[in-house]
Amino acid sequence: MVGLLGLNLKKATAQTKVMNFTSNIVSLAVFLWSGNVLFAIGFLMGFGQVIGAYFGSNMVIKKEVKFIRLFFLTMVALTLMKLIYSSYIA
């Protein structure tokens, strides 16, 4: 969204929260329709998502964009390293 749509980091983060919520609702509907819902795990994951979105949104609002960009790139790098490590171990 930053690169393709030209949004600043704060607006792009807000947009991704809305898109993530929408995709989760659609996914829930599909899994409910197919009867493949593990409600206890789903509620736990939903609760975690709400907490993460709350803290993440507040961080974006309170911190400067430079910090958010560094945090984001650090998480992407760690995730990439984990995926590379997992692909060689498995």
N, C-alpha and C. Protein backbone atom coordinates (compact mmCIF):
# COMPACT_ATOMS: atom_id res chain seq x y z
N MET A 1 0.82 -1.19 0.00
CA MET A 1 0.00 0.00 0.00
C MET A 1 0.86 1.26 0.00
N VAL A 2 1.99 1.16 0.66
CA VAL A 2 2.89 2.30 0.67
C VAL A 2 3.51 2.47 -0.71
N GLY A 3 4.03 1.39 -1.26
CA GLY A 3 4.69 1.46 -2.56
C GLY A 3 3.75 1.56 -3.74
N LEU A 4 2.65 0.80 -3.70
CA LEU A 4 1.76 0.76 -4.86
C LEU A 4 0.71 1.86 -4.86
N LEU A 5 0.17 2.19 -3.69
CA LEU A 5 -0.90 3.19 -3.63
C LEU A 5 -0.43 4.56 -3.16
N GLY A 6 0.81 4.63 -2.69
CA GLY A 6 1.35 5.91 -2.26
C GLY A 6 0.84 6.39 -0.91
N LEU A 7 0.29 5.47 -0.11
CA LEU A 7 -0.17 5.86 1.22
C LEU A 7 1.01 6.01 2.17
N ASN A 8 0.86 6.87 3.17
CA ASN A 8 1.90 6.93 4.18
C ASN A 8 1.73 5.72 5.10
N LEU A 9 2.72 5.47 5.96
CA LEU A 9 2.74 4.25 6.76
C LEU A 9 1.55 4.17 7.71
N LYS A 10 1.13 5.29 8.27
CA LYS A 10 0.00 5.27 9.20
C LYS A 10 -1.30 4.92 8.48
N LYS A 11 -1.53 5.51 7.33
CA LYS A 11 -2.76 5.21 6.57
C LYS A 11 -2.74 3.78 6.06
N ALA A 12 -1.60 3.33 5.61
CA ALA A 12 -1.49 1.95 5.12
C ALA A 12 -1.77 0.96 6.24
N THR A 13 -1.27 1.23 7.43
CA THR A 13 -1.51 0.36 8.57
C THR A 13 -2.99 0.32 8.92
N ALA A 14 -3.64 1.47 8.91
CA ALA A 14 -5.08 1.52 9.19
C ALA A 14 -5.86 0.72 8.15
N GLN A 15 -5.49 0.85 6.89
CA GLN A 15 -6.18 0.12 5.83
C GLN A 15 -5.99 -1.39 5.99
N THR A 16 -4.80 -1.82 6.37
CA THR A 16 -4.57 -3.25 6.52
C THR A 16 -5.38 -3.82 7.69
N LYS A 17 -5.62 -3.03 8.72
CA LYS A 17 -6.45 -3.50 9.84
C LYS A 17 -7.86 -3.79 9.34
N VAL A 18 -8.41 -2.91 8.53
CA VAL A 18 -9.76 -3.10 7.99
C VAL A 18 -9.79 -4.31 7.06
N MET A 19 -8.79 -4.43 6.20
CA MET A 19 -8.75 -5.55 5.26
C MET A 19 -8.57 -6.88 5.99
N ASN A 20 -7.75 -6.90 7.02
CA ASN A 20 -7.52 -8.12 7.80
C ASN A 20 -8.80 -8.54 8.50
N PHE A 21 -9.50 -7.59 9.10
CA PHE A 21 -10.76 -7.89 9.78
C PHE A 21 -11.77 -8.46 8.78
N THR A 22 -11.87 -7.85 7.62
CA THR A 22 -12.81 -8.30 6.59
C THR A 22 -12.48 -9.72 6.14
N SER A 23 -11.22 -9.99 5.89
CA SER A 23 -10.84 -11.33 5.45
C SER A 23 -11.11 -12.37 6.54
N ASN A 24 -10.95 -11.99 7.81
CA ASN A 24 -11.23 -12.92 8.89
C ASN A 24 -12.72 -13.23 8.99
N ILE A 25 -13.57 -12.23 8.77
CA ILE A 25 -15.02 -12.45 8.80
C ILE A 25 -15.43 -13.38 7.66
N VAL A 26 -14.87 -13.16 6.47
CA VAL A 26 -15.18 -14.03 5.34
C VAL A 26 -14.69 -15.45 5.61
N SER A 27 -13.50 -15.59 6.16
CA SER A 27 -12.97 -16.91 6.50
C SER A 27 -13.85 -17.61 7.52
N LEU A 28 -14.29 -16.87 8.53
CA LEU A 28 -15.18 -17.45 9.54
C LEU A 28 -16.46 -17.95 8.90
N ALA A 29 -17.03 -17.17 7.99
CA ALA A 29 -18.26 -17.59 7.31
C ALA A 29 -18.05 -18.88 6.52
N VAL A 30 -16.92 -18.98 5.82
CA VAL A 30 -16.63 -20.18 5.03
C VAL A 30 -16.47 -21.39 5.94
N PHE A 31 -15.72 -21.22 7.03
CA PHE A 31 -15.53 -22.35 7.94
C PHE A 31 -16.81 -22.73 8.68
N LEU A 32 -17.64 -21.74 9.02
CA LEU A 32 -18.94 -22.05 9.63
C LEU A 32 -19.81 -22.83 8.66
N TRP A 33 -19.83 -22.40 7.41
CA TRP A 33 -20.63 -23.06 6.38
C TRP A 33 -20.20 -24.51 6.18
N SER A 34 -18.88 -24.75 6.25
CA SER A 34 -18.38 -26.11 6.05
C SER A 34 -18.39 -26.94 7.33
N GLY A 35 -18.68 -26.30 8.47
CA GLY A 35 -18.73 -27.01 9.74
C GLY A 35 -17.37 -27.36 10.31
N ASN A 36 -16.35 -26.63 9.92
CA ASN A 36 -14.98 -26.90 10.37
C ASN A 36 -14.46 -25.79 11.27
N VAL A 37 -15.15 -25.53 12.37
CA VAL A 37 -14.73 -24.46 13.27
C VAL A 37 -14.35 -25.06 14.62
N LEU A 38 -13.17 -24.73 15.08
CA LEU A 38 -12.75 -25.06 16.43
C LEU A 38 -12.94 -23.79 17.27
N PHE A 39 -14.10 -23.71 17.92
CA PHE A 39 -14.51 -22.47 18.57
C PHE A 39 -13.53 -22.00 19.65
N ALA A 40 -13.03 -22.90 20.48
CA ALA A 40 -12.12 -22.49 21.57
C ALA A 40 -10.86 -21.85 21.00
N ILE A 41 -10.28 -22.49 20.00
CA ILE A 41 -9.07 -21.94 19.37
C ILE A 41 -9.39 -20.65 18.64
N GLY A 42 -10.54 -20.62 17.97
CA GLY A 42 -10.95 -19.42 17.24
C GLY A 42 -11.14 -18.22 18.14
N PHE A 43 -11.79 -18.43 19.30
CA PHE A 43 -11.97 -17.32 20.24
C PHE A 43 -10.64 -16.84 20.80
N LEU A 44 -9.76 -17.79 21.09
CA LEU A 44 -8.43 -17.43 21.60
C LEU A 44 -7.66 -16.62 20.56
N MET A 45 -7.69 -17.06 19.31
CA MET A 45 -6.99 -16.34 18.25
C MET A 45 -7.63 -14.98 17.99
N GLY A 46 -8.96 -14.91 18.03
CA GLY A 46 -9.65 -13.64 17.87
C GLY A 46 -9.29 -12.66 18.96
N PHE A 47 -9.24 -13.15 20.18
CA PHE A 47 -8.84 -12.30 21.31
C PHE A 47 -7.42 -11.78 21.12
N GLY A 48 -6.53 -12.66 20.69
CA GLY A 48 -5.15 -12.25 20.43
C GLY A 48 -5.06 -11.21 19.32
N GLN A 49 -5.89 -11.37 18.31
CA GLN A 49 -5.88 -10.41 17.21
C GLN A 49 -6.37 -9.04 17.68
N VAL A 50 -7.43 -9.02 18.49
CA VAL A 50 -7.95 -7.76 19.00
C VAL A 50 -6.90 -7.06 19.86
N ILE A 51 -6.25 -7.81 20.74
CA ILE A 51 -5.20 -7.22 21.59
C ILE A 51 -4.05 -6.70 20.73
N GLY A 52 -3.61 -7.50 19.76
CA GLY A 52 -2.53 -7.07 18.88
C GLY A 52 -2.89 -5.85 18.06
N ALA A 53 -4.10 -5.82 17.54
CA ALA A 53 -4.54 -4.67 16.76
C ALA A 53 -4.62 -3.42 17.62
N TYR A 54 -5.09 -3.57 18.85
CA TYR A 54 -5.18 -2.43 19.77
C TYR A 54 -3.80 -1.84 20.05
N PHE A 55 -2.87 -2.71 20.45
CA PHE A 55 -1.53 -2.21 20.76
C PHE A 55 -0.81 -1.73 19.51
N GLY A 56 -0.97 -2.44 18.41
CA GLY A 56 -0.34 -2.01 17.17
C GLY A 56 -0.86 -0.67 16.67
N SER A 57 -2.17 -0.48 16.74
CA SER A 57 -2.75 0.79 16.31
C SER A 57 -2.30 1.94 17.20
N ASN A 58 -2.29 1.70 18.50
CA ASN A 58 -1.82 2.75 19.41
C ASN A 58 -0.35 3.07 19.20
N MET A 59 0.44 2.05 18.88
CA MET A 59 1.85 2.29 18.63
C MET A 59 2.03 3.16 17.39
N VAL A 60 1.26 2.88 16.35
CA VAL A 60 1.35 3.67 15.12
C VAL A 60 0.93 5.12 15.38
N ILE A 61 -0.08 5.31 16.21
CA ILE A 61 -0.57 6.66 16.50
C ILE A 61 0.44 7.44 17.36
N LYS A 62 1.03 6.78 18.34
CA LYS A 62 1.89 7.47 19.31
C LYS A 62 3.35 7.61 18.87
N LYS A 63 3.85 6.64 18.15
CA LYS A 63 5.26 6.66 17.76
C LYS A 63 5.42 7.34 16.41
N GLU A 64 6.63 7.75 16.15
CA GLU A 64 6.89 8.35 14.85
C GLU A 64 7.08 7.26 13.79
N VAL A 65 6.89 7.61 12.55
CA VAL A 65 6.90 6.66 11.45
C VAL A 65 8.25 5.93 11.35
N LYS A 66 9.32 6.60 11.67
CA LYS A 66 10.65 6.00 11.60
C LYS A 66 10.73 4.74 12.47
N PHE A 67 10.18 4.84 13.69
CA PHE A 67 10.18 3.70 14.62
C PHE A 67 9.32 2.56 14.06
N ILE A 68 8.16 2.89 13.55
CA ILE A 68 7.25 1.88 13.02
C ILE A 68 7.89 1.16 11.84
N ARG A 69 8.53 1.90 10.96
CA ARG A 69 9.19 1.29 9.80
C ARG A 69 10.29 0.33 10.26
N LEU A 70 11.09 0.75 11.23
CA LEU A 70 12.15 -0.11 11.76
C LEU A 70 11.57 -1.37 12.39
N PHE A 71 10.51 -1.20 13.18
CA PHE A 71 9.85 -2.34 13.83
C PHE A 71 9.30 -3.31 12.78
N PHE A 72 8.62 -2.77 11.77
CA PHE A 72 8.04 -3.58 10.71
C PHE A 72 9.12 -4.35 9.95
N LEU A 73 10.18 -3.67 9.56
CA LEU A 73 11.24 -4.32 8.80
C LEU A 73 11.97 -5.37 9.64
N THR A 74 12.09 -5.11 10.94
CA THR A 74 12.69 -6.11 11.84
C THR A 74 11.83 -7.36 11.89
N MET A 75 10.52 -7.20 12.02
CA MET A 75 9.62 -8.36 12.06
C MET A 75 9.63 -9.12 10.75
N VAL A 76 9.68 -8.41 9.63
CA VAL A 76 9.75 -9.08 8.33
C VAL A 76 11.05 -9.86 8.21
N ALA A 77 12.15 -9.27 8.63
CA ALA A 77 13.45 -9.95 8.56
C ALA A 77 13.47 -11.19 9.45
N LEU A 78 12.93 -11.09 10.66
CA LEU A 78 12.89 -12.25 11.56
C LEU A 78 12.00 -13.36 11.01
N THR A 79 10.88 -12.99 10.43
CA THR A 79 9.99 -13.97 9.83
C THR A 79 10.66 -14.66 8.65
N LEU A 80 11.34 -13.89 7.83
CA LEU A 80 12.06 -14.45 6.69
C LEU A 80 13.15 -15.41 7.15
N MET A 81 13.91 -15.03 8.17
CA MET A 81 14.96 -15.91 8.69
C MET A 81 14.37 -17.21 9.25
N LYS A 82 13.23 -17.09 9.93
CA LYS A 82 12.58 -18.27 10.49
C LYS A 82 12.11 -19.20 9.37
N LEU A 83 11.53 -18.64 8.31
CA LEU A 83 11.07 -19.46 7.20
C LEU A 83 12.23 -20.14 6.48
N ILE A 84 13.31 -19.43 6.28
CA ILE A 84 14.49 -20.02 5.65
C ILE A 84 15.06 -21.14 6.53
N TYR A 85 15.17 -20.87 7.83
CA TYR A 85 15.68 -21.86 8.76
C TYR A 85 14.78 -23.10 8.77
N SER A 86 13.46 -22.89 8.80
CA SER A 86 12.52 -24.01 8.83
C SER A 86 12.57 -24.83 7.55
N SER A 87 12.79 -24.18 6.43
CA SER A 87 12.82 -24.93 5.16
C SER A 87 14.06 -25.81 5.06
N TYR A 88 15.15 -25.42 5.72
CA TYR A 88 16.35 -26.25 5.67
C TYR A 88 16.33 -27.34 6.73
N ILE A 89 15.60 -27.13 7.81
CA ILE A 89 15.53 -28.13 8.87
C ILE A 89 14.55 -29.25 8.49
N ALA A 90 13.43 -28.89 7.87
CA ALA A 90 12.37 -29.88 7.58
C ALA A 90 12.66 -30.74 6.41
